[in-house]
């Protein structure tokens, strides 16, 4: 099978990241504005976007909607980013759509050539229109205000917790980052927000007031405080918000997933108020069936191995809190690979107190930090840490699972590393 469309897309990585909406609007106009042919939900935020989107997608599907889901990054294959009712876009169709985008753009000057993410977003929107979906659940790539996805006029805007990430593009303070995320908020809109810091909350409220939009905040307008059970088999909680829902069961692990599920539930009830046909029993089925790989993903039980894509200090903090909840008084063996544009020193500091041993490796992503550098920093933080450097992740994960230590083993630091581990271990997602 020809993969010339894939090759074209890969070539676009040379154009790097260029935030702005002009090129996106131009391409979509040439395609007949496919993004206007279905309802849309747009999700920004630092952590939890994918999980929230997955919960919503699953629940809408259970309510007999045909749902397009656009997410990033992918774990193994790029086609994973574009799904309808959970099924990735077929590779042949993906390739042909990439070539169509190439044809639209080949005569444009270099400054108007799309980036990798812009082309991919155009492919997703066009595919969804051709397949006549009912609703698109769309995850922002980075930021919000100038992200390629922000061309859609979403029925609902969601902002998950805002924390530090992509600071070279979004700013060095929570206020600046929150302002960029709030760029997805439209005039007279409904906005659902996850739990925010006081600084981020103030920014979101200010933007909503300026745009005459109503914001529903976790912890104030809705919550999931009554958790009946929380084990390695799943979690059950009660939800209070626009509507109440008792005994919501999810199989995704980690207390933060209860928060993500609550954000999804408030979003679904907001859609219901807007006229979407949504049954509560179907919501319960959708929540129960939802699964999102590489998020406190229990990939082995003997030995006990967790794969988690946490890749910034906030994500690593949530991971640490979850580990301490499930395994009080335990220490852990970590396999870690991080990208060099992340706050990797802070991430290591967070994990140090709960680590017994550390193995450092790297993914194939060119932005990966050298594992030797991670090891040097960990030695600087604690001269007593047990540290290994194994550059090849296939050898690193084999070393991890072969260790005789009884402590749980945790793989974290990067979604790119998580994807490679899934591929190495041949775990289907």
Protein backbone atom coordinates (compact mmCIF):
# COMPACT_ATOMS: atom_id res chain seq x y z
CA UNK A 1 0.00 0.00 0.00
CA UNK A 2 1.26 3.47 -0.90
CA UNK A 3 2.09 5.66 2.09
CA UNK A 4 2.93 8.82 0.15
CA UNK A 5 0.34 10.78 2.15
CA UNK A 6 1.99 9.68 5.38
CA UNK A 7 5.35 10.73 3.92
CA UNK A 8 3.96 14.18 3.09
CA UNK A 9 2.65 14.56 6.63
CA UNK A 10 5.99 13.52 8.15
CA UNK A 11 7.75 16.08 5.94
CA UNK A 12 5.63 18.83 7.51
CA UNK A 13 7.41 18.35 10.84
CA UNK A 14 10.17 20.44 9.21
CA UNK A 15 7.88 23.48 9.57
CA UNK A 16 7.81 23.05 13.36
CA UNK A 17 5.12 24.69 15.49
CA UNK A 18 3.58 27.95 14.23
CA UNK A 19 0.60 29.14 16.22
CA UNK A 20 -2.10 31.03 14.31
CA UNK A 21 -5.41 30.42 12.55
CA UNK A 22 -5.02 32.01 9.09
CA UNK A 23 -3.59 28.95 7.33
CA UNK A 24 -6.14 26.68 8.99
CA UNK A 25 -9.05 28.86 7.88
CA UNK A 26 -7.65 29.00 4.34
CA UNK A 27 -7.35 25.20 4.06
CA UNK A 28 -10.78 24.57 5.55
CA UNK A 29 -12.38 27.14 3.23
CA UNK A 30 -10.84 25.27 0.27
CA UNK A 31 -12.38 22.06 1.67
CA UNK A 32 -15.81 23.69 2.03
CA UNK A 33 -15.56 24.24 5.80
CA UNK A 34 -16.20 20.65 6.89
CA UNK A 35 -16.02 21.63 10.58
CA UNK A 36 -19.37 23.44 10.21
CA UNK A 37 -21.25 20.27 9.22
CA UNK A 38 -21.58 18.76 12.70
CA UNK A 39 -21.81 19.74 16.36
CA UNK A 40 -18.53 20.12 18.25
CA UNK A 41 -17.11 20.05 21.76
CA UNK A 42 -13.70 21.65 22.24
CA UNK A 43 -11.44 20.70 25.17
CA UNK A 44 -8.39 22.68 26.33
CA UNK A 45 -6.30 22.39 29.51
CA UNK A 46 -2.95 21.01 30.64
CA UNK A 47 -3.80 17.58 32.05
CA UNK A 48 -6.83 15.32 31.66
CA UNK A 49 -8.03 16.44 28.21
CA UNK A 50 -7.82 12.98 26.67
CA UNK A 51 -9.54 11.24 29.58
CA UNK A 52 -12.39 13.78 29.67
CA UNK A 53 -12.79 13.53 25.90
CA UNK A 54 -12.82 9.74 26.08
CA UNK A 55 -15.52 9.69 28.77
CA UNK A 56 -17.70 12.10 26.75
CA UNK A 57 -17.15 10.22 23.48
CA UNK A 58 -18.09 6.91 25.07
CA UNK A 59 -21.25 8.30 26.66
CA UNK A 60 -22.43 10.00 23.45
CA UNK A 61 -21.80 6.78 21.54
CA UNK A 62 -23.93 4.88 24.10
CA UNK A 63 -26.66 7.45 23.37
CA UNK A 64 -26.56 6.40 19.69
CA UNK A 65 -24.63 9.40 18.40
CA UNK A 66 -22.04 8.91 15.69
CA UNK A 67 -19.03 10.52 17.38
CA UNK A 68 -15.79 11.76 15.88
CA UNK A 69 -12.90 11.99 18.34
CA UNK A 70 -9.75 14.00 17.58
CA UNK A 71 -6.88 13.72 20.07
CA UNK A 72 -3.10 14.06 20.33
CA UNK A 73 -0.47 12.81 20.55
CA UNK A 74 -0.80 9.23 19.33
CA UNK A 75 0.81 6.35 21.19
CA UNK A 76 1.68 3.94 18.36
CA UNK A 77 0.07 4.94 15.02
CA UNK A 78 -0.89 8.41 13.85
CA UNK A 79 -4.31 7.10 12.76
CA UNK A 80 -5.20 6.69 16.47
CA UNK A 81 -5.69 10.45 16.68
CA UNK A 82 -8.75 10.40 14.41
CA UNK A 83 -11.56 8.03 15.42
CA UNK A 84 -15.25 7.50 14.80
CA UNK A 85 -17.09 5.59 17.52
CA UNK A 86 -13.73 4.42 18.82
CA UNK A 87 -12.38 3.08 15.52
CA UNK A 88 -9.27 4.78 14.05
CA UNK A 89 -9.44 6.17 10.53
CA UNK A 90 -8.46 3.45 8.01
CA UNK A 91 -4.86 3.90 6.87
CA UNK A 92 -5.78 4.06 3.16
CA UNK A 93 -8.37 6.81 3.72
CA UNK A 94 -5.94 8.69 5.95
CA UNK A 95 -3.24 8.52 3.28
CA UNK A 96 -5.60 9.75 0.55
CA UNK A 97 -6.82 12.68 2.66
CA UNK A 98 -3.22 13.70 3.41
CA UNK A 99 -2.58 13.77 -0.35
CA UNK A 100 -5.67 15.95 -0.84
CA UNK A 101 -4.30 18.45 1.67
CA UNK A 102 -0.96 18.31 -0.15
CA UNK A 103 -2.73 19.08 -3.44
CA UNK A 104 -4.49 22.09 -1.93
CA UNK A 105 -1.27 23.50 -0.51
CA UNK A 106 1.47 22.56 -3.00
CA UNK A 107 1.37 25.89 -4.89
CA UNK A 108 1.24 28.05 -1.79
CA UNK A 109 4.29 30.08 -0.69
CA UNK A 110 6.37 28.47 2.05
CA UNK A 111 5.00 30.76 4.75
CA UNK A 112 1.50 29.42 4.00
CA UNK A 113 2.45 25.73 4.12
CA UNK A 114 0.61 23.96 6.95
CA UNK A 115 2.39 22.49 9.93
CA UNK A 116 2.07 18.78 10.75
CA UNK A 117 -0.69 19.48 13.28
CA UNK A 118 -2.61 21.84 10.98
CA UNK A 119 -2.65 19.29 8.15
CA UNK A 120 -3.66 16.53 10.54
CA UNK A 121 -6.49 18.66 11.96
CA UNK A 122 -7.77 19.40 8.45
CA UNK A 123 -7.71 15.66 7.66
CA UNK A 124 -9.74 14.94 10.81
CA UNK A 125 -12.39 17.59 10.14
CA UNK A 126 -12.78 16.53 6.50
CA UNK A 127 -12.99 12.82 7.38
CA UNK A 128 -15.66 13.50 9.99
CA UNK A 129 -17.73 15.50 7.48
CA UNK A 130 -17.50 12.80 4.80
CA UNK A 131 -18.55 10.15 7.30
CA UNK A 132 -21.48 12.32 8.40
CA UNK A 133 -20.80 12.24 12.12
CA UNK A 134 -23.26 13.83 14.54
CA UNK A 135 -20.75 15.39 16.91
CA UNK A 136 -16.99 15.94 17.10
CA UNK A 137 -15.19 15.73 20.45
CA UNK A 138 -12.01 17.68 19.79
CA UNK A 139 -8.93 18.00 21.97
CA UNK A 140 -6.82 21.16 21.62
CA UNK A 141 -3.24 20.42 20.60
CA UNK A 142 -1.49 23.16 22.58
CA UNK A 143 -2.79 26.26 24.32
CA UNK A 144 -6.09 27.23 22.75
CA UNK A 145 -6.21 30.79 21.45
CA UNK A 146 -4.08 30.14 18.35
CA UNK A 147 -4.38 26.35 18.20
CA UNK A 148 -5.49 24.91 14.86
CA UNK A 149 -8.58 23.36 16.47
CA UNK A 150 -9.91 26.76 17.56
CA UNK A 151 -11.49 27.37 14.16
CA UNK A 152 -14.52 25.34 15.23
CA UNK A 153 -17.57 27.06 16.68
CA UNK A 154 -18.06 24.58 19.51
CA UNK A 155 -21.42 23.94 21.21
CA UNK A 156 -19.52 23.51 24.46
CA UNK A 157 -16.06 24.51 25.65
CA UNK A 158 -14.25 22.57 28.37
CA UNK A 159 -11.06 23.58 30.19
CA UNK A 160 -9.36 20.92 32.31
CA UNK A 161 -6.91 21.92 35.09
CA UNK A 162 -4.33 24.47 33.95
CA UNK A 163 -0.70 24.05 35.01
CA UNK A 164 2.81 24.61 33.64
CA UNK A 165 3.58 23.11 30.21
CA UNK A 166 4.74 24.35 26.77
CA UNK A 167 5.95 27.52 28.48
CA UNK A 168 8.11 28.59 25.54
CA UNK A 169 4.86 29.10 23.58
CA UNK A 170 2.23 29.84 26.23
CA UNK A 171 4.02 31.97 28.83
CA UNK A 172 5.82 31.60 32.14
CA UNK A 173 2.97 32.20 34.58
CA UNK A 174 -0.29 30.36 35.30
CA UNK A 175 -2.16 33.56 34.40
CA UNK A 176 -0.55 33.71 30.95
CA UNK A 177 -1.10 30.01 30.29
CA UNK A 178 -4.74 30.22 31.47
CA UNK A 179 -5.28 33.20 29.14
CA UNK A 180 -4.09 31.12 26.18
CA UNK A 181 -6.33 28.19 27.17
CA UNK A 182 -9.28 30.57 27.64
CA UNK A 183 -8.85 31.59 24.01
CA UNK A 184 -11.26 28.78 23.08
CA UNK A 185 -14.12 30.49 24.95
CA UNK A 186 -16.65 31.91 22.49
CA UNK A 187 -19.27 34.64 22.86
CA UNK A 188 -22.43 33.57 24.78
CA UNK A 189 -20.97 30.12 25.42
CA UNK A 190 -21.29 27.41 28.04
CA UNK A 191 -17.91 26.61 29.65
CA UNK A 192 -17.17 23.64 31.92
CA UNK A 193 -14.00 23.93 34.00
CA UNK A 194 -12.05 21.37 35.97
CA UNK A 195 -10.54 22.22 39.36
CA UNK A 196 -8.34 25.29 38.90
CA UNK A 197 -5.81 27.22 40.94
CA UNK A 198 -7.06 30.60 42.15
CA UNK A 199 -4.91 32.36 39.51
CA UNK A 200 -6.31 30.31 36.63
CA UNK A 201 -9.88 30.55 37.92
CA UNK A 202 -9.71 34.36 38.00
CA UNK A 203 -8.55 34.46 34.37
CA UNK A 204 -11.28 32.07 33.18
CA UNK A 205 -13.99 34.01 35.03
CA UNK A 206 -12.76 37.31 33.60
CA UNK A 207 -12.78 36.01 30.00
CA UNK A 208 -16.23 34.47 30.48
CA UNK A 209 -17.58 37.76 31.81
CA UNK A 210 -16.11 39.66 28.83
CA UNK A 211 -17.75 37.21 26.41
CA UNK A 212 -21.06 36.89 28.24
CA UNK A 213 -20.40 33.19 28.73
CA UNK A 214 -21.47 31.06 31.69
CA UNK A 215 -18.82 28.99 33.49
CA UNK A 216 -19.46 25.90 35.63
CA UNK A 217 -16.55 25.26 38.01
CA UNK A 218 -15.56 21.97 39.62
CA UNK A 219 -15.90 22.21 43.40
CA UNK A 220 -18.37 25.09 43.20
CA UNK A 221 -21.05 24.21 40.64
CA UNK A 222 -20.46 20.46 40.43
CA UNK A 223 -18.43 17.79 42.19
CA UNK A 224 -17.83 14.09 42.81
CA UNK A 225 -17.00 14.15 46.49
CA UNK A 226 -18.68 10.95 47.67
CA UNK A 227 -16.40 8.13 46.51
CA UNK A 228 -17.87 4.77 47.60
CA UNK A 229 -15.01 2.58 46.45
CA UNK A 230 -11.58 3.11 44.97
CA UNK A 231 -9.54 -0.01 44.25
CA UNK A 232 -7.33 -1.42 41.51
CA UNK A 233 -10.52 -2.85 39.97
CA UNK A 234 -12.16 0.55 39.52
CA UNK A 235 -13.99 3.37 41.30
CA UNK A 236 -17.60 4.20 42.23
CA UNK A 237 -18.79 7.70 43.13
CA UNK A 238 -21.83 9.98 43.33
CA UNK A 239 -22.06 13.08 41.12
CA UNK A 240 -23.77 16.38 41.90
CA UNK A 241 -24.08 19.14 39.33
CA UNK A 242 -26.65 20.25 36.75
CA UNK A 243 -28.19 16.86 37.54
CA UNK A 244 -27.40 14.24 40.18
CA UNK A 245 -26.21 10.75 39.37
CA UNK A 246 -25.51 8.05 41.95
CA UNK A 247 -23.16 5.07 41.81
CA UNK A 248 -21.20 6.11 38.73
CA UNK A 249 -18.71 3.32 38.07
CA UNK A 250 -15.46 3.81 36.13
CA UNK A 251 -12.66 1.34 35.49
CA UNK A 252 -10.01 4.01 34.90
CA UNK A 253 -7.70 4.17 37.91
CA UNK A 254 -6.44 7.13 39.94
CA UNK A 255 -8.42 9.60 42.04
CA UNK A 256 -7.83 12.24 39.36
CA UNK A 257 -9.97 10.13 37.00
CA UNK A 258 -12.95 10.69 39.31
CA UNK A 259 -12.35 14.42 38.77
CA UNK A 260 -12.07 13.91 35.00
CA UNK A 261 -15.26 11.83 35.00
CA UNK A 262 -17.08 14.61 36.90
CA UNK A 263 -15.99 17.19 34.30
CA UNK A 264 -17.30 14.87 31.58
CA UNK A 265 -20.63 14.34 33.40
CA UNK A 266 -21.24 18.07 33.89
CA UNK A 267 -20.45 18.54 30.19
CA UNK A 268 -22.93 15.84 29.18
CA UNK A 269 -25.68 17.33 31.34
CA UNK A 270 -24.94 20.78 29.85
CA UNK A 271 -25.38 19.26 26.38
CA UNK A 272 -28.63 17.66 27.54
CA UNK A 273 -29.91 21.11 28.56
CA UNK A 274 -28.97 22.37 25.09
CA UNK A 275 -31.22 19.72 23.50
CA UNK A 276 -28.94 16.71 23.00
CA UNK A 277 -30.79 13.39 23.45
CA UNK A 278 -28.97 11.91 26.44
CA UNK A 279 -30.26 9.15 28.74
CA UNK A 280 -28.75 8.68 32.19
CA UNK A 281 -28.60 4.88 31.91
CA UNK A 282 -26.58 5.27 28.70
CA UNK A 283 -24.26 7.68 30.51
CA UNK A 284 -23.65 5.07 33.22
CA UNK A 285 -22.80 2.45 30.57
CA UNK A 286 -20.49 4.86 28.76
CA UNK A 287 -18.63 5.81 31.92
CA UNK A 288 -18.21 2.16 32.90
CA UNK A 289 -16.82 1.16 29.49
CA UNK A 290 -14.45 4.12 29.01
CA UNK A 291 -10.76 3.32 28.89
CA UNK A 292 -7.80 5.54 28.01
CA UNK A 293 -4.40 3.80 27.66
CA UNK A 294 -1.18 4.98 29.36
CA UNK A 295 -3.05 6.77 32.15
CA UNK A 296 -2.30 4.81 35.33
CA UNK A 297 -2.57 1.83 33.00
CA UNK A 298 -2.03 -1.47 34.82
CA UNK A 299 -0.21 -3.39 32.07
CA UNK A 300 0.99 -6.32 34.21
CA UNK A 301 -0.05 -7.82 37.54
CA UNK A 302 2.84 -10.25 38.02
CA UNK A 303 5.12 -8.38 38.27
CA UNK A 304 2.98 -5.34 39.04
CA UNK A 305 3.71 -2.74 36.32
CA UNK A 306 1.92 0.58 35.75
CA UNK A 307 2.34 2.66 32.58
CA UNK A 308 1.56 6.36 32.95
CA UNK A 309 2.10 9.12 30.39
CA UNK A 310 2.54 11.86 33.03
CA UNK A 311 4.95 14.35 31.43
CA UNK A 312 4.86 17.55 33.50
CA UNK A 313 5.10 18.35 37.24
CA UNK A 314 1.31 18.44 37.74
CA UNK A 315 0.88 15.06 36.06
CA UNK A 316 3.77 13.55 38.01
CA UNK A 317 2.30 14.92 41.25
CA UNK A 318 -1.04 13.24 40.46
CA UNK A 319 0.80 10.00 39.68
CA UNK A 320 2.69 10.17 42.99
CA UNK A 321 -0.52 10.86 44.95
CA UNK A 322 -2.25 7.93 43.23
CA UNK A 323 0.65 5.58 44.00
CA UNK A 324 0.62 6.61 47.65
CA UNK A 325 -3.15 6.07 47.79
CA UNK A 326 -3.06 2.54 46.35
CA UNK A 327 0.24 1.55 48.00
CA UNK A 328 0.66 3.40 51.30
CA UNK A 329 4.13 3.11 52.85
CA UNK A 330 5.59 1.52 49.69
CA UNK A 331 8.47 2.68 47.53
CA UNK A 332 8.63 2.10 43.80
CA UNK A 333 10.98 1.20 40.97
CA UNK A 334 10.76 3.76 38.17
CA UNK A 335 11.58 3.57 34.48
CA UNK A 336 11.70 7.18 33.28
CA UNK A 337 12.17 8.98 29.95
CA UNK A 338 11.41 12.70 29.53
CA UNK A 339 11.50 15.29 26.74
CA UNK A 340 14.08 18.04 27.21
CA UNK A 341 11.54 20.89 26.88
CA UNK A 342 9.70 19.71 30.02
CA UNK A 343 10.41 20.77 33.63
CA UNK A 344 12.31 17.54 34.13
CA UNK A 345 14.28 18.65 37.21
CA UNK A 346 11.01 19.34 39.05
CA UNK A 347 9.60 15.99 37.91
CA UNK A 348 12.59 14.12 39.34
CA UNK A 349 12.35 16.00 42.65
CA UNK A 350 8.70 14.96 42.99
CA UNK A 351 9.46 11.27 42.42
CA UNK A 352 12.63 11.09 44.52
CA UNK A 353 10.95 10.52 47.94
CA UNK A 354 8.93 7.52 46.68
CA UNK A 355 11.62 5.89 44.53
CA UNK A 356 13.67 2.86 45.57
CA UNK A 357 15.43 2.46 42.20
CA UNK A 358 15.49 4.52 39.00
CA UNK A 359 16.16 3.34 35.44
CA UNK A 360 16.59 6.16 32.91
CA UNK A 361 15.96 5.67 29.19
CA UNK A 362 14.78 7.71 26.18
CA UNK A 363 12.11 7.48 23.52
CA UNK A 364 12.86 7.84 19.81
CA UNK A 365 11.48 11.39 19.86
CA UNK A 366 14.33 13.79 18.89
CA UNK A 367 13.32 16.04 21.81
CA UNK A 368 14.17 13.31 24.34
CA UNK A 369 16.65 14.28 27.02
CA UNK A 370 19.75 12.09 27.30
CA UNK A 371 19.17 9.52 30.08
CA UNK A 372 22.70 10.22 31.36
CA UNK A 373 21.61 13.79 32.09
CA UNK A 374 18.60 12.56 34.07
CA UNK A 375 20.87 10.20 36.01
CA UNK A 376 23.32 13.01 36.81
CA UNK A 377 20.51 15.18 38.16
CA UNK A 378 19.12 12.36 40.29
CA UNK A 379 22.60 11.69 41.72
CA UNK A 380 22.89 15.40 42.52
CA UNK A 381 19.52 15.30 44.30
CA UNK A 382 20.39 12.16 46.25
CA UNK A 383 23.78 10.45 46.33
CA UNK A 384 22.14 7.35 47.83
CA UNK A 385 19.73 6.66 44.94
CA UNK A 386 20.12 3.37 43.04
CA UNK A 387 20.36 4.39 39.39
CA UNK A 388 20.78 2.65 36.03
CA UNK A 389 21.01 4.11 32.53
CA UNK A 390 19.68 1.95 29.67
CA UNK A 391 19.28 4.07 26.55
CA UNK A 392 17.27 1.57 24.47
CA UNK A 393 13.71 1.39 25.90
CA UNK A 394 13.26 -2.22 24.75
CA UNK A 395 16.22 -3.30 26.90
CA UNK A 396 15.17 -0.94 29.69
CA UNK A 397 11.66 -2.39 30.01
CA UNK A 398 12.99 -5.96 29.87
CA UNK A 399 15.35 -5.09 32.70
CA UNK A 400 12.48 -3.54 34.68
CA UNK A 401 10.11 -6.51 34.45
CA UNK A 402 12.89 -9.03 35.15
CA UNK A 403 13.85 -7.40 38.47
CA UNK A 404 13.16 -9.65 41.45
CA UNK A 405 12.18 -6.73 43.70
CA UNK A 406 8.64 -7.01 45.06
CA UNK A 407 7.97 -3.25 44.82
CA UNK A 408 5.53 -2.04 42.12
CA UNK A 409 7.24 -0.91 38.92
CA UNK A 410 6.22 2.36 37.27
CA UNK A 411 6.96 3.60 33.73
CA UNK A 412 6.43 7.35 33.29
CA UNK A 413 7.73 10.69 32.00
CA UNK A 414 6.47 10.86 28.42
CA UNK A 415 3.52 9.75 26.29
CA UNK A 416 6.05 9.07 23.52
CA UNK A 417 7.89 6.64 25.78
CA UNK A 418 4.55 5.11 26.81
CA UNK A 419 3.68 4.46 23.17
CA UNK A 420 7.01 2.76 22.54
CA UNK A 421 6.59 0.55 25.62
CA UNK A 422 3.12 -0.54 24.46
CA UNK A 423 4.62 -1.43 21.08
CA UNK A 424 7.60 -3.28 22.59
CA UNK A 425 5.36 -5.33 24.89
CA UNK A 426 2.77 -5.84 22.11
CA UNK A 427 -0.06 -4.54 24.25
CA UNK A 428 -3.18 -3.79 22.20
CA UNK A 429 -4.96 -0.52 22.85
